[in-house]
Amino acid sequence: MSKIDFKKEYKELYKPSVKKVSIVEITKFNYLSIDGVGDPNTSIEYKQAIEALFSVSYKVKFMIKKGSIGIDYGVLPLEGLWWTEDMNDFSIERKDLWNWTAMIMQPDFVEKELVDEAMKEVNKKKELPAISKIKFQIIEEGLAAQIMHIGPYSEEKPTIEKLHNYIKDNGYVFNGKHHEIYLSDVRKAAPQNLKTIIRQPISSIE
């Protein structure tokens, strides 16, 4: 049985340049997601969300592999949408004001019924407090600008500014929430080697 690497299948979405901003079209994808509020570095709710999302995503993966579909694939990385009610308050220095959506993309052959079954199975064994908050949703961001950041999350600001300046200088406006994709395992990678895709949905100025 071959194993699908969706990061390679969609390499234009997962391998942006570190030096240059790229413009990509993000079509519809399935996600498991949990919404919350607060600083991800200190929020217990955020840590619980991540644990629940990965637990259910891996359960879905093994159910797909052993079931009638019979496909093996790598679970995709954690992603995050970040915003504040008033975007003038959105600041790296005030993460306690942030709203967030933690999420993991699912292959298109994963359906809600299977996710519901996986959630029940995981909950029987682990009783994770955030499982009941998981939503199965379809997100289509459309046109977006993105760039790769390498280094600690706390040092993203210059990369974000480079992305935002490119958007403004090239006739685009923001059209969605600040989006990050965490390609590295923080348990194994040194902070200076962390790879994070910084993405911003955009639209052209008409």
N, C-alpha and C. Protein backbone atom coordinates (compact mmCIF):
# COMPACT_ATOMS: atom_id res chain seq x y z
N MET A 1 0.85 -1.21 0.00
CA MET A 1 0.00 0.00 0.00
C MET A 1 0.88 1.25 0.00
N SER A 2 0.66 2.11 -0.98
CA SER A 2 1.44 3.34 -1.05
C SER A 2 0.87 4.37 -0.09
N LYS A 3 1.72 5.30 0.32
CA LYS A 3 1.30 6.33 1.26
C LYS A 3 1.31 7.67 0.55
N ILE A 4 0.21 8.41 0.66
CA ILE A 4 0.09 9.71 0.01
C ILE A 4 0.66 10.79 0.92
N ASP A 5 1.52 11.62 0.36
CA ASP A 5 2.03 12.79 1.07
C ASP A 5 1.35 14.01 0.46
N PHE A 6 0.34 14.52 1.14
CA PHE A 6 -0.42 15.63 0.58
C PHE A 6 0.39 16.93 0.53
N LYS A 7 1.42 17.03 1.34
CA LYS A 7 2.29 18.21 1.27
C LYS A 7 3.04 18.22 -0.05
N LYS A 8 3.30 17.04 -0.63
CA LYS A 8 3.92 16.96 -1.95
C LYS A 8 2.88 17.11 -3.04
N GLU A 9 1.70 16.56 -2.81
CA GLU A 9 0.62 16.68 -3.79
C GLU A 9 0.26 18.15 -4.03
N TYR A 10 0.32 18.93 -2.94
CA TYR A 10 0.00 20.36 -3.03
C TYR A 10 1.25 21.18 -2.69
N LYS A 11 2.34 20.86 -3.36
CA LYS A 11 3.62 21.47 -2.99
C LYS A 11 3.64 22.98 -3.16
N GLU A 12 2.82 23.51 -4.09
CA GLU A 12 2.79 24.97 -4.27
C GLU A 12 2.19 25.65 -3.04
N LEU A 13 1.44 24.92 -2.24
CA LEU A 13 0.84 25.47 -1.02
C LEU A 13 1.72 25.28 0.21
N TYR A 14 2.58 24.26 0.17
CA TYR A 14 3.36 23.89 1.36
C TYR A 14 4.85 24.19 1.26
N LYS A 15 5.30 24.69 0.12
CA LYS A 15 6.73 24.97 -0.03
C LYS A 15 6.97 26.37 -0.59
N PRO A 16 6.47 27.40 0.08
CA PRO A 16 6.75 28.75 -0.41
C PRO A 16 8.20 29.13 -0.16
N SER A 17 8.65 30.14 -0.84
CA SER A 17 10.02 30.64 -0.67
C SER A 17 10.17 31.35 0.66
N VAL A 18 11.39 31.29 1.19
CA VAL A 18 11.73 32.06 2.39
C VAL A 18 11.98 33.52 2.01
N LYS A 19 12.43 33.74 0.80
CA LYS A 19 12.85 35.08 0.37
C LYS A 19 11.76 35.87 -0.34
N LYS A 20 10.89 35.17 -1.09
CA LYS A 20 9.92 35.89 -1.93
C LYS A 20 8.50 35.50 -1.56
N VAL A 21 7.62 36.48 -1.62
CA VAL A 21 6.19 36.23 -1.43
C VAL A 21 5.62 35.61 -2.69
N SER A 22 4.75 34.62 -2.54
CA SER A 22 4.10 34.00 -3.70
C SER A 22 2.58 34.16 -3.58
N ILE A 23 1.93 34.18 -4.72
CA ILE A 23 0.47 34.27 -4.78
C ILE A 23 -0.07 32.91 -5.20
N VAL A 24 -1.00 32.38 -4.41
CA VAL A 24 -1.55 31.04 -4.68
C VAL A 24 -3.08 31.10 -4.61
N GLU A 25 -3.70 30.10 -5.20
CA GLU A 25 -5.15 29.97 -5.16
C GLU A 25 -5.49 28.78 -4.25
N ILE A 26 -6.20 29.06 -3.16
CA ILE A 26 -6.53 28.02 -2.20
C ILE A 26 -7.97 27.58 -2.45
N THR A 27 -8.13 26.37 -2.99
CA THR A 27 -9.47 25.86 -3.28
C THR A 27 -10.12 25.29 -2.01
N LYS A 28 -11.24 24.64 -2.16
CA LYS A 28 -11.96 24.10 -1.00
C LYS A 28 -11.20 22.92 -0.39
N PHE A 29 -11.06 22.94 0.93
CA PHE A 29 -10.47 21.82 1.66
C PHE A 29 -11.30 21.53 2.90
N ASN A 30 -11.30 20.27 3.30
CA ASN A 30 -11.96 19.86 4.54
C ASN A 30 -11.04 20.11 5.73
N TYR A 31 -11.61 20.52 6.85
CA TYR A 31 -10.82 20.73 8.06
C TYR A 31 -11.55 20.23 9.29
N LEU A 32 -10.78 19.75 10.25
CA LEU A 32 -11.26 19.62 11.61
C LEU A 32 -10.78 20.87 12.33
N SER A 33 -11.66 21.54 13.06
CA SER A 33 -11.27 22.81 13.66
C SER A 33 -11.89 23.00 15.03
N ILE A 34 -11.23 23.82 15.84
CA ILE A 34 -11.73 24.23 17.16
C ILE A 34 -11.45 25.72 17.31
N ASP A 35 -12.45 26.46 17.78
CA ASP A 35 -12.30 27.90 18.00
C ASP A 35 -12.00 28.19 19.46
N GLY A 36 -11.26 29.28 19.69
CA GLY A 36 -10.96 29.68 21.06
C GLY A 36 -10.45 31.10 21.14
N VAL A 37 -10.08 31.50 22.34
CA VAL A 37 -9.60 32.85 22.60
C VAL A 37 -8.42 32.77 23.56
N GLY A 38 -7.40 33.63 23.33
CA GLY A 38 -6.32 33.75 24.30
C GLY A 38 -4.95 33.44 23.75
N ASP A 39 -3.94 33.71 24.55
CA ASP A 39 -2.54 33.52 24.19
C ASP A 39 -2.25 32.03 24.03
N PRO A 40 -1.84 31.58 22.83
CA PRO A 40 -1.57 30.15 22.63
C PRO A 40 -0.43 29.62 23.48
N ASN A 41 0.44 30.51 23.94
CA ASN A 41 1.57 30.07 24.75
C ASN A 41 1.18 29.72 26.18
N THR A 42 0.06 30.26 26.64
CA THR A 42 -0.35 30.05 28.03
C THR A 42 -1.75 29.45 28.17
N SER A 43 -2.50 29.39 27.09
CA SER A 43 -3.88 28.93 27.14
C SER A 43 -3.98 27.41 27.24
N ILE A 44 -4.58 26.91 28.31
CA ILE A 44 -4.84 25.48 28.44
C ILE A 44 -5.83 25.04 27.36
N GLU A 45 -6.78 25.91 27.04
CA GLU A 45 -7.78 25.61 26.03
C GLU A 45 -7.12 25.33 24.67
N TYR A 46 -6.09 26.11 24.34
CA TYR A 46 -5.40 25.91 23.06
C TYR A 46 -4.67 24.57 23.04
N LYS A 47 -3.99 24.23 24.13
CA LYS A 47 -3.27 22.95 24.21
C LYS A 47 -4.24 21.78 24.13
N GLN A 48 -5.39 21.91 24.77
CA GLN A 48 -6.40 20.86 24.70
C GLN A 48 -6.95 20.72 23.30
N ALA A 49 -7.09 21.83 22.59
CA ALA A 49 -7.59 21.81 21.22
C ALA A 49 -6.64 21.05 20.31
N ILE A 50 -5.36 21.32 20.45
CA ILE A 50 -4.36 20.65 19.62
C ILE A 50 -4.36 19.14 19.87
N GLU A 51 -4.41 18.76 21.14
CA GLU A 51 -4.42 17.34 21.49
C GLU A 51 -5.64 16.64 20.89
N ALA A 52 -6.80 17.28 20.98
CA ALA A 52 -8.02 16.68 20.44
C ALA A 52 -7.96 16.58 18.92
N LEU A 53 -7.50 17.62 18.25
CA LEU A 53 -7.44 17.63 16.79
C LEU A 53 -6.51 16.55 16.25
N PHE A 54 -5.33 16.42 16.85
CA PHE A 54 -4.40 15.40 16.38
C PHE A 54 -4.90 14.00 16.71
N SER A 55 -5.49 13.81 17.88
CA SER A 55 -5.99 12.49 18.27
C SER A 55 -7.06 12.01 17.29
N VAL A 56 -7.99 12.88 16.95
CA VAL A 56 -9.06 12.50 16.03
C VAL A 56 -8.53 12.36 14.60
N SER A 57 -7.61 13.23 14.20
CA SER A 57 -7.04 13.15 12.84
C SER A 57 -6.30 11.83 12.64
N TYR A 58 -5.55 11.40 13.64
CA TYR A 58 -4.85 10.11 13.51
C TYR A 58 -5.82 8.94 13.53
N LYS A 59 -6.88 9.06 14.33
CA LYS A 59 -7.89 8.00 14.35
C LYS A 59 -8.56 7.89 12.99
N VAL A 60 -8.90 9.02 12.39
CA VAL A 60 -9.49 9.03 11.05
C VAL A 60 -8.55 8.38 10.06
N LYS A 61 -7.29 8.73 10.13
CA LYS A 61 -6.27 8.18 9.21
C LYS A 61 -6.25 6.65 9.27
N PHE A 62 -6.24 6.09 10.48
CA PHE A 62 -6.16 4.63 10.63
C PHE A 62 -7.47 3.96 10.23
N MET A 63 -8.60 4.63 10.45
CA MET A 63 -9.87 4.08 10.00
C MET A 63 -9.95 4.04 8.48
N ILE A 64 -9.42 5.07 7.82
CA ILE A 64 -9.36 5.10 6.35
C ILE A 64 -8.45 3.99 5.84
N LYS A 65 -7.31 3.85 6.47
CA LYS A 65 -6.31 2.86 6.03
C LYS A 65 -6.85 1.44 6.14
N LYS A 66 -7.55 1.15 7.24
CA LYS A 66 -8.04 -0.21 7.49
C LYS A 66 -9.42 -0.46 6.91
N GLY A 67 -10.10 0.59 6.47
CA GLY A 67 -11.46 0.45 5.97
C GLY A 67 -11.53 0.15 4.49
N SER A 68 -12.71 0.34 3.92
CA SER A 68 -12.95 -0.01 2.52
C SER A 68 -12.17 0.87 1.55
N ILE A 69 -11.88 2.11 1.96
CA ILE A 69 -11.11 3.00 1.07
C ILE A 69 -9.68 2.50 0.94
N GLY A 70 -9.09 2.08 2.04
CA GLY A 70 -7.78 1.44 2.02
C GLY A 70 -6.64 2.33 1.54
N ILE A 71 -6.66 3.59 1.93
CA ILE A 71 -5.61 4.53 1.54
C ILE A 71 -4.82 4.95 2.77
N ASP A 72 -3.50 4.96 2.65
CA ASP A 72 -2.65 5.45 3.74
C ASP A 72 -2.15 6.84 3.36
N TYR A 73 -2.08 7.71 4.35
CA TYR A 73 -1.61 9.07 4.09
C TYR A 73 -1.04 9.66 5.37
N GLY A 74 -0.22 10.68 5.20
CA GLY A 74 0.35 11.36 6.35
C GLY A 74 -0.61 12.40 6.88
N VAL A 75 -0.83 12.40 8.20
CA VAL A 75 -1.66 13.43 8.81
C VAL A 75 -1.02 14.79 8.54
N LEU A 76 -1.84 15.73 8.15
CA LEU A 76 -1.33 17.06 7.77
C LEU A 76 -1.03 17.91 9.00
N PRO A 77 -0.24 18.98 8.81
CA PRO A 77 0.21 19.78 9.96
C PRO A 77 -0.88 20.64 10.59
N LEU A 78 -0.61 21.05 11.80
CA LEU A 78 -1.49 21.98 12.50
C LEU A 78 -1.48 23.33 11.78
N GLU A 79 -2.65 23.95 11.69
CA GLU A 79 -2.77 25.29 11.12
C GLU A 79 -3.52 26.18 12.12
N GLY A 80 -3.37 27.48 11.94
CA GLY A 80 -4.06 28.39 12.82
C GLY A 80 -4.53 29.64 12.11
N LEU A 81 -5.76 30.05 12.39
CA LEU A 81 -6.26 31.36 11.98
C LEU A 81 -6.25 32.24 13.21
N TRP A 82 -5.80 33.50 13.04
CA TRP A 82 -5.64 34.40 14.18
C TRP A 82 -6.23 35.76 13.86
N TRP A 83 -6.99 36.33 14.81
CA TRP A 83 -7.57 37.65 14.58
C TRP A 83 -8.05 38.24 15.90
N THR A 84 -8.39 39.52 15.87
CA THR A 84 -9.04 40.18 16.99
C THR A 84 -10.32 40.82 16.47
N GLU A 85 -11.26 41.08 17.37
CA GLU A 85 -12.53 41.68 16.96
C GLU A 85 -12.30 43.02 16.27
N ASP A 86 -11.38 43.80 16.82
CA ASP A 86 -10.92 45.03 16.18
C ASP A 86 -9.48 44.79 15.74
N MET A 87 -9.27 44.68 14.42
CA MET A 87 -7.94 44.32 13.92
C MET A 87 -6.89 45.38 14.23
N ASN A 88 -7.31 46.56 14.67
CA ASN A 88 -6.34 47.56 15.14
C ASN A 88 -5.66 47.11 16.43
N ASP A 89 -6.28 46.16 17.12
CA ASP A 89 -5.72 45.64 18.37
C ASP A 89 -4.85 44.41 18.15
N PHE A 90 -4.75 43.96 16.87
CA PHE A 90 -4.00 42.73 16.60
C PHE A 90 -2.50 43.02 16.71
N SER A 91 -1.89 42.47 17.75
CA SER A 91 -0.49 42.75 18.02
C SER A 91 0.17 41.52 18.62
N ILE A 92 1.42 41.25 18.20
CA ILE A 92 2.17 40.14 18.76
C ILE A 92 2.40 40.34 20.26
N GLU A 93 2.41 41.60 20.69
CA GLU A 93 2.64 41.90 22.11
C GLU A 93 1.40 41.66 22.96
N ARG A 94 0.21 41.53 22.33
CA ARG A 94 -1.04 41.34 23.08
C ARG A 94 -1.77 40.09 22.60
N LYS A 95 -1.11 38.95 22.73
CA LYS A 95 -1.71 37.70 22.28
C LYS A 95 -2.91 37.29 23.13
N ASP A 96 -3.03 37.86 24.32
CA ASP A 96 -4.18 37.54 25.16
C ASP A 96 -5.49 38.02 24.55
N LEU A 97 -5.40 38.94 23.59
CA LEU A 97 -6.60 39.47 22.93
C LEU A 97 -6.98 38.68 21.68
N TRP A 98 -6.15 37.73 21.31
CA TRP A 98 -6.36 37.02 20.04
C TRP A 98 -7.53 36.04 20.11
N ASN A 99 -8.28 35.98 19.03
CA ASN A 99 -9.19 34.86 18.75
C ASN A 99 -8.42 33.89 17.85
N TRP A 100 -8.72 32.63 17.95
CA TRP A 100 -8.02 31.66 17.11
C TRP A 100 -8.93 30.51 16.68
N THR A 101 -8.57 29.95 15.55
CA THR A 101 -9.12 28.68 15.10
C THR A 101 -7.95 27.75 14.85
N ALA A 102 -7.84 26.70 15.65
CA ALA A 102 -6.83 25.67 15.43
C ALA A 102 -7.45 24.61 14.52
N MET A 103 -6.70 24.14 13.52
CA MET A 103 -7.31 23.23 12.55
C MET A 103 -6.30 22.34 11.85
N ILE A 104 -6.79 21.22 11.35
CA ILE A 104 -5.97 20.28 10.59
C ILE A 104 -6.74 19.89 9.33
N MET A 105 -6.12 20.06 8.19
CA MET A 105 -6.77 19.73 6.92
C MET A 105 -6.94 18.22 6.79
N GLN A 106 -8.05 17.82 6.17
CA GLN A 106 -8.35 16.40 5.94
C GLN A 106 -8.46 16.13 4.45
N PRO A 107 -8.07 14.93 4.00
CA PRO A 107 -8.24 14.59 2.58
C PRO A 107 -9.70 14.68 2.16
N ASP A 108 -9.94 14.87 0.86
CA ASP A 108 -11.30 15.07 0.38
C ASP A 108 -12.18 13.83 0.51
N PHE A 109 -11.57 12.65 0.74
CA PHE A 109 -12.37 11.44 0.90
C PHE A 109 -12.80 11.22 2.36
N VAL A 110 -12.41 12.12 3.25
CA VAL A 110 -12.86 12.06 4.65
C VAL A 110 -14.20 12.77 4.76
N GLU A 111 -15.21 12.07 5.28
CA GLU A 111 -16.54 12.63 5.40
C GLU A 111 -16.92 12.81 6.88
N LYS A 112 -17.92 13.65 7.12
CA LYS A 112 -18.31 14.01 8.48
C LYS A 112 -18.72 12.78 9.30
N GLU A 113 -19.41 11.84 8.68
CA GLU A 113 -19.85 10.65 9.40
C GLU A 113 -18.68 9.87 9.97
N LEU A 114 -17.60 9.78 9.18
CA LEU A 114 -16.41 9.08 9.65
C LEU A 114 -15.75 9.85 10.79
N VAL A 115 -15.73 11.16 10.69
CA VAL A 115 -15.16 12.00 11.75
C VAL A 115 -15.95 11.82 13.04
N ASP A 116 -17.28 11.81 12.93
CA ASP A 116 -18.12 11.62 14.12
C ASP A 116 -17.81 10.29 14.79
N GLU A 117 -17.64 9.25 13.99
CA GLU A 117 -17.32 7.93 14.53
C GLU A 117 -15.95 7.94 15.20
N ALA A 118 -14.98 8.60 14.57
CA ALA A 118 -13.64 8.68 15.13
C ALA A 118 -13.64 9.44 16.46
N MET A 119 -14.42 10.51 16.53
CA MET A 119 -14.51 11.29 17.75
C MET A 119 -15.05 10.43 18.90
N LYS A 120 -16.06 9.61 18.62
CA LYS A 120 -16.63 8.74 19.64
C LYS A 120 -15.60 7.71 20.11
N GLU A 121 -14.87 7.14 19.18
CA GLU A 121 -13.87 6.12 19.54
C GLU A 121 -12.74 6.71 20.39
N VAL A 122 -12.26 7.89 19.99
CA VAL A 122 -11.19 8.54 20.76
C VAL A 122 -11.69 8.92 22.15
N ASN A 123 -12.91 9.41 22.22
CA ASN A 123 -13.46 9.87 23.49
C ASN A 123 -13.64 8.73 24.48
N LYS A 124 -13.90 7.53 23.97
CA LYS A 124 -14.04 6.35 24.85
C LYS A 124 -12.74 6.05 25.57
N LYS A 125 -11.62 6.28 24.88
CA LYS A 125 -10.32 5.91 25.43
C LYS A 125 -9.65 7.03 26.20
N LYS A 126 -9.85 8.28 25.74
CA LYS A 126 -9.07 9.39 26.32
C LYS A 126 -9.91 10.43 27.07
N GLU A 127 -11.19 10.56 26.70
CA GLU A 127 -12.06 11.55 27.31
C GLU A 127 -11.41 12.95 27.29
N LEU A 128 -10.99 13.35 26.11
CA LEU A 128 -10.34 14.66 25.96
C LEU A 128 -11.38 15.77 26.04
N PRO A 129 -11.16 16.79 26.86
CA PRO A 129 -12.17 17.83 27.08
C PRO A 129 -12.55 18.64 25.84
N ALA A 130 -11.65 18.71 24.86
CA ALA A 130 -11.93 19.57 23.70
C ALA A 130 -12.58 18.82 22.54
N ILE A 131 -12.75 17.52 22.65
CA ILE A 131 -13.30 16.76 21.51
C ILE A 131 -14.69 17.26 21.12
N SER A 132 -15.50 17.59 22.09
CA SER A 132 -16.86 18.03 21.79
C SER A 132 -16.89 19.36 21.02
N LYS A 133 -15.76 20.07 21.01
CA LYS A 133 -15.69 21.36 20.32
C LYS A 133 -15.28 21.24 18.85
N ILE A 134 -14.88 20.04 18.44
CA ILE A 134 -14.39 19.86 17.07
C ILE A 134 -15.52 20.05 16.06
N LYS A 135 -15.22 20.83 15.02
CA LYS A 135 -16.15 21.02 13.91
C LYS A 135 -15.52 20.46 12.64
N PHE A 136 -16.37 19.87 11.80
CA PHE A 136 -15.94 19.46 10.47
C PHE A 136 -16.45 20.51 9.51
N GLN A 137 -15.54 21.22 8.83
CA GLN A 137 -15.98 22.30 7.97
C GLN A 137 -15.17 22.38 6.69
N ILE A 138 -15.78 23.00 5.69
CA ILE A 138 -15.11 23.23 4.41
C ILE A 138 -14.73 24.70 4.34
N ILE A 139 -13.47 24.95 4.04
CA ILE A 139 -12.97 26.33 3.95
C ILE A 139 -12.37 26.54 2.57
N GLU A 140 -12.72 27.65 1.95
CA GLU A 140 -12.14 28.04 0.66
C GLU A 140 -11.62 29.47 0.79
N GLU A 141 -10.32 29.62 0.90
CA GLU A 141 -9.73 30.95 1.09
C GLU A 141 -9.60 31.73 -0.21
N GLY A 142 -9.51 31.02 -1.32
CA GLY A 142 -9.35 31.71 -2.60
C GLY A 142 -7.92 32.24 -2.77
N LEU A 143 -7.81 33.43 -3.35
CA LEU A 143 -6.49 34.01 -3.61
C LEU A 143 -5.80 34.36 -2.30
N ALA A 144 -4.51 34.04 -2.20
CA ALA A 144 -3.77 34.32 -0.97
C ALA A 144 -2.30 34.58 -1.29
N ALA A 145 -1.68 35.36 -0.44
CA ALA A 145 -0.23 35.58 -0.51
C ALA A 145 0.41 34.83 0.64
N GLN A 146 1.60 34.25 0.41
CA GLN A 146 2.24 33.50 1.48
C GLN A 146 3.75 33.53 1.34
N ILE A 147 4.41 33.23 2.46
CA ILE A 147 5.87 33.20 2.52
C ILE A 147 6.26 32.26 3.66
N MET A 148 7.46 31.70 3.58
CA MET A 148 7.96 30.81 4.63
C MET A 148 8.75 31.60 5.66
N HIS A 149 8.46 31.34 6.93
CA HIS A 149 9.26 31.89 8.03
C HIS A 149 10.04 30.75 8.66
N ILE A 150 11.33 30.95 8.84
CA ILE A 150 12.16 29.97 9.54
C ILE A 150 12.71 30.62 10.80
N GLY A 151 12.40 30.01 11.94
CA GLY A 151 12.85 30.55 13.22
C GLY A 151 11.74 30.50 14.25
N PRO A 152 11.99 31.04 15.43
CA PRO A 152 10.99 31.02 16.50
C PRO A 152 9.72 31.78 16.10
N TYR A 153 8.60 31.35 16.67
CA TYR A 153 7.34 32.05 16.41
C TYR A 153 7.41 33.49 16.88
N SER A 154 8.16 33.73 17.94
CA SER A 154 8.27 35.08 18.51
C SER A 154 8.99 36.05 17.59
N GLU A 155 9.66 35.52 16.54
CA GLU A 155 10.41 36.38 15.62
C GLU A 155 9.75 36.46 14.24
N GLU A 156 8.46 36.22 14.19
CA GLU A 156 7.74 36.25 12.91
C GLU A 156 7.49 37.66 12.38
N LYS A 157 7.57 38.66 13.24
CA LYS A 157 7.12 40.01 12.87
C LYS A 157 7.74 40.53 11.57
N PRO A 158 9.06 40.46 11.36
CA PRO A 158 9.62 40.96 10.09
C PRO A 158 9.08 40.21 8.86
N THR A 159 8.85 38.90 9.01
CA THR A 159 8.30 38.12 7.90
C THR A 159 6.87 38.55 7.59
N ILE A 160 6.09 38.76 8.65
CA ILE A 160 4.71 39.22 8.47
C ILE A 160 4.68 40.60 7.81
N GLU A 161 5.57 41.48 8.25
CA GLU A 161 5.63 42.82 7.66
C GLU A 161 6.01 42.76 6.18
N LYS A 162 6.93 41.86 5.84
CA LYS A 162 7.33 41.70 4.44
C LYS A 162 6.13 41.24 3.60
N LEU A 163 5.36 40.30 4.14
CA LEU A 163 4.17 39.81 3.46
C LEU A 163 3.14 40.92 3.28
N HIS A 164 2.88 41.66 4.35
CA HIS A 164 1.87 42.72 4.30
C HIS A 164 2.29 43.84 3.35
N ASN A 165 3.58 44.19 3.35
CA ASN A 165 4.07 45.24 2.45
C ASN A 165 3.92 44.82 0.99
N TYR A 166 4.20 43.54 0.72
CA TYR A 166 4.05 43.05 -0.65
C TYR A 166 2.60 43.17 -1.10
N ILE A 167 1.67 42.79 -0.21
CA ILE A 167 0.25 42.85 -0.55
C ILE A 167 -0.16 44.29 -0.88
N LYS A 168 0.24 45.22 -0.05
CA LYS A 168 -0.14 46.63 -0.25
C LYS A 168 0.54 47.22 -1.49
N ASP A 169 1.79 46.84 -1.72
CA ASP A 169 2.56 47.42 -2.83
C ASP A 169 2.16 46.86 -4.19
N ASN A 170 1.42 45.75 -4.20
CA ASN A 170 1.09 45.10 -5.47
C ASN A 170 -0.41 45.11 -5.77
N GLY A 171 -1.11 46.06 -5.19
CA GLY A 171 -2.50 46.28 -5.55
C GLY A 171 -3.50 45.30 -4.98
N TYR A 172 -3.18 44.73 -3.81
CA TYR A 172 -4.10 43.81 -3.16
C TYR A 172 -4.57 44.37 -1.83
N VAL A 173 -5.68 43.82 -1.32
CA VAL A 173 -6.15 44.14 0.02
C VAL A 173 -6.41 42.83 0.77
N PHE A 174 -6.38 42.90 2.09
CA PHE A 174 -6.64 41.71 2.90
C PHE A 174 -8.08 41.25 2.69
N ASN A 175 -8.26 39.94 2.65
CA ASN A 175 -9.59 39.39 2.42
C ASN A 175 -9.80 38.12 3.25
N GLY A 176 -9.40 38.18 4.50
CA GLY A 176 -9.52 37.00 5.36
C GLY A 176 -8.61 37.11 6.56
N LYS A 177 -8.54 36.05 7.32
CA LYS A 177 -7.80 36.06 8.58
C LYS A 177 -6.34 35.66 8.40
N HIS A 178 -5.48 36.19 9.26
CA HIS A 178 -4.07 35.80 9.32
C HIS A 178 -4.01 34.29 9.52
N HIS A 179 -3.21 33.62 8.68
CA HIS A 179 -3.21 32.15 8.64
C HIS A 179 -1.77 31.65 8.75
N GLU A 180 -1.55 30.70 9.65
CA GLU A 180 -0.22 30.11 9.79
C GLU A 180 -0.33 28.59 9.71
N ILE A 181 0.68 27.98 9.09
CA ILE A 181 0.76 26.53 8.97
C ILE A 181 2.08 26.09 9.58
N TYR A 182 2.01 25.22 10.58
CA TYR A 182 3.18 24.85 11.38
C TYR A 182 3.76 23.52 10.88
N LEU A 183 4.78 23.62 10.05
CA LEU A 183 5.33 22.44 9.40
C LEU A 183 6.24 21.61 10.30
N SER A 184 6.77 22.22 11.35
CA SER A 184 7.75 21.54 12.21
C SER A 184 7.10 20.99 13.47
N ASP A 185 7.68 19.92 13.98
CA ASP A 185 7.28 19.36 15.27
C ASP A 185 8.07 20.09 16.36
N VAL A 186 7.37 20.90 17.15
CA VAL A 186 8.08 21.71 18.16
C VAL A 186 8.76 20.84 19.22
N ARG A 187 8.36 19.57 19.32
CA ARG A 187 8.99 18.67 20.30
C ARG A 187 10.36 18.20 19.82
N LYS A 188 10.61 18.31 18.52
CA LYS A 188 11.85 17.77 17.96
C LYS A 188 12.75 18.83 17.34
N ALA A 189 12.17 19.89 16.79
CA ALA A 189 12.97 20.90 16.07
C ALA A 189 13.44 21.99 17.02
N ALA A 190 14.66 22.45 16.82
CA ALA A 190 15.18 23.59 17.58
C ALA A 190 14.43 24.84 17.15
N PRO A 191 14.22 25.80 18.06
CA PRO A 191 13.45 27.01 17.71
C PRO A 191 13.94 27.70 16.45
N GLN A 192 15.26 27.75 16.25
CA GLN A 192 15.80 28.46 15.08
C GLN A 192 15.52 27.73 13.77
N ASN A 193 15.06 26.46 13.86
CA ASN A 193 14.79 25.68 12.65
C ASN A 193 13.31 25.50 12.35
N LEU A 194 12.45 26.08 13.17
CA LEU A 194 11.02 25.91 12.97
C LEU A 194 10.58 26.52 11.63
N LYS A 195 9.78 25.78 10.89
CA LYS A 195 9.27 26.25 9.60
C LYS A 195 7.77 26.56 9.72
N THR A 196 7.41 27.79 9.40
CA THR A 196 6.02 28.22 9.48
C THR A 196 5.63 28.96 8.21
N ILE A 197 4.56 28.52 7.58
CA ILE A 197 4.03 29.25 6.43
C ILE A 197 3.14 30.37 6.96
N ILE A 198 3.42 31.59 6.53
CA ILE A 198 2.59 32.74 6.88
C ILE A 198 1.74 33.07 5.66
N ARG A 199 0.43 33.00 5.82
CA ARG A 199 -0.48 33.18 4.68
C ARG A 199 -1.52 34.26 4.99
N GLN A 200 -1.86 35.03 3.96
CA GLN A 200 -2.90 36.05 4.10
C GLN A 200 -3.82 36.02 2.88
N PRO A 201 -5.08 35.64 3.04
CA PRO A 201 -6.02 35.74 1.92
C PRO A 201 -6.14 37.19 1.44
N ILE A 202 -6.27 37.35 0.13
CA ILE A 202 -6.27 38.69 -0.45
C ILE A 202 -7.30 38.79 -1.57
N SER A 203 -7.55 40.00 -2.01
CA SER A 203 -8.32 40.24 -3.23
C SER A 203 -7.71 41.45 -3.93
N SER A 204 -7.96 41.54 -5.21
CA SER A 204 -7.43 42.67 -5.98
C SER A 204 -8.27 43.90 -5.74
N ILE A 205 -7.61 45.05 -5.76
CA ILE A 205 -8.33 46.32 -5.67
C ILE A 205 -8.97 46.59 -7.03
N GLU A 206 -10.27 46.73 -7.04
CA GLU A 206 -10.97 46.94 -8.33
C GLU A 206 -11.01 48.42 -8.68
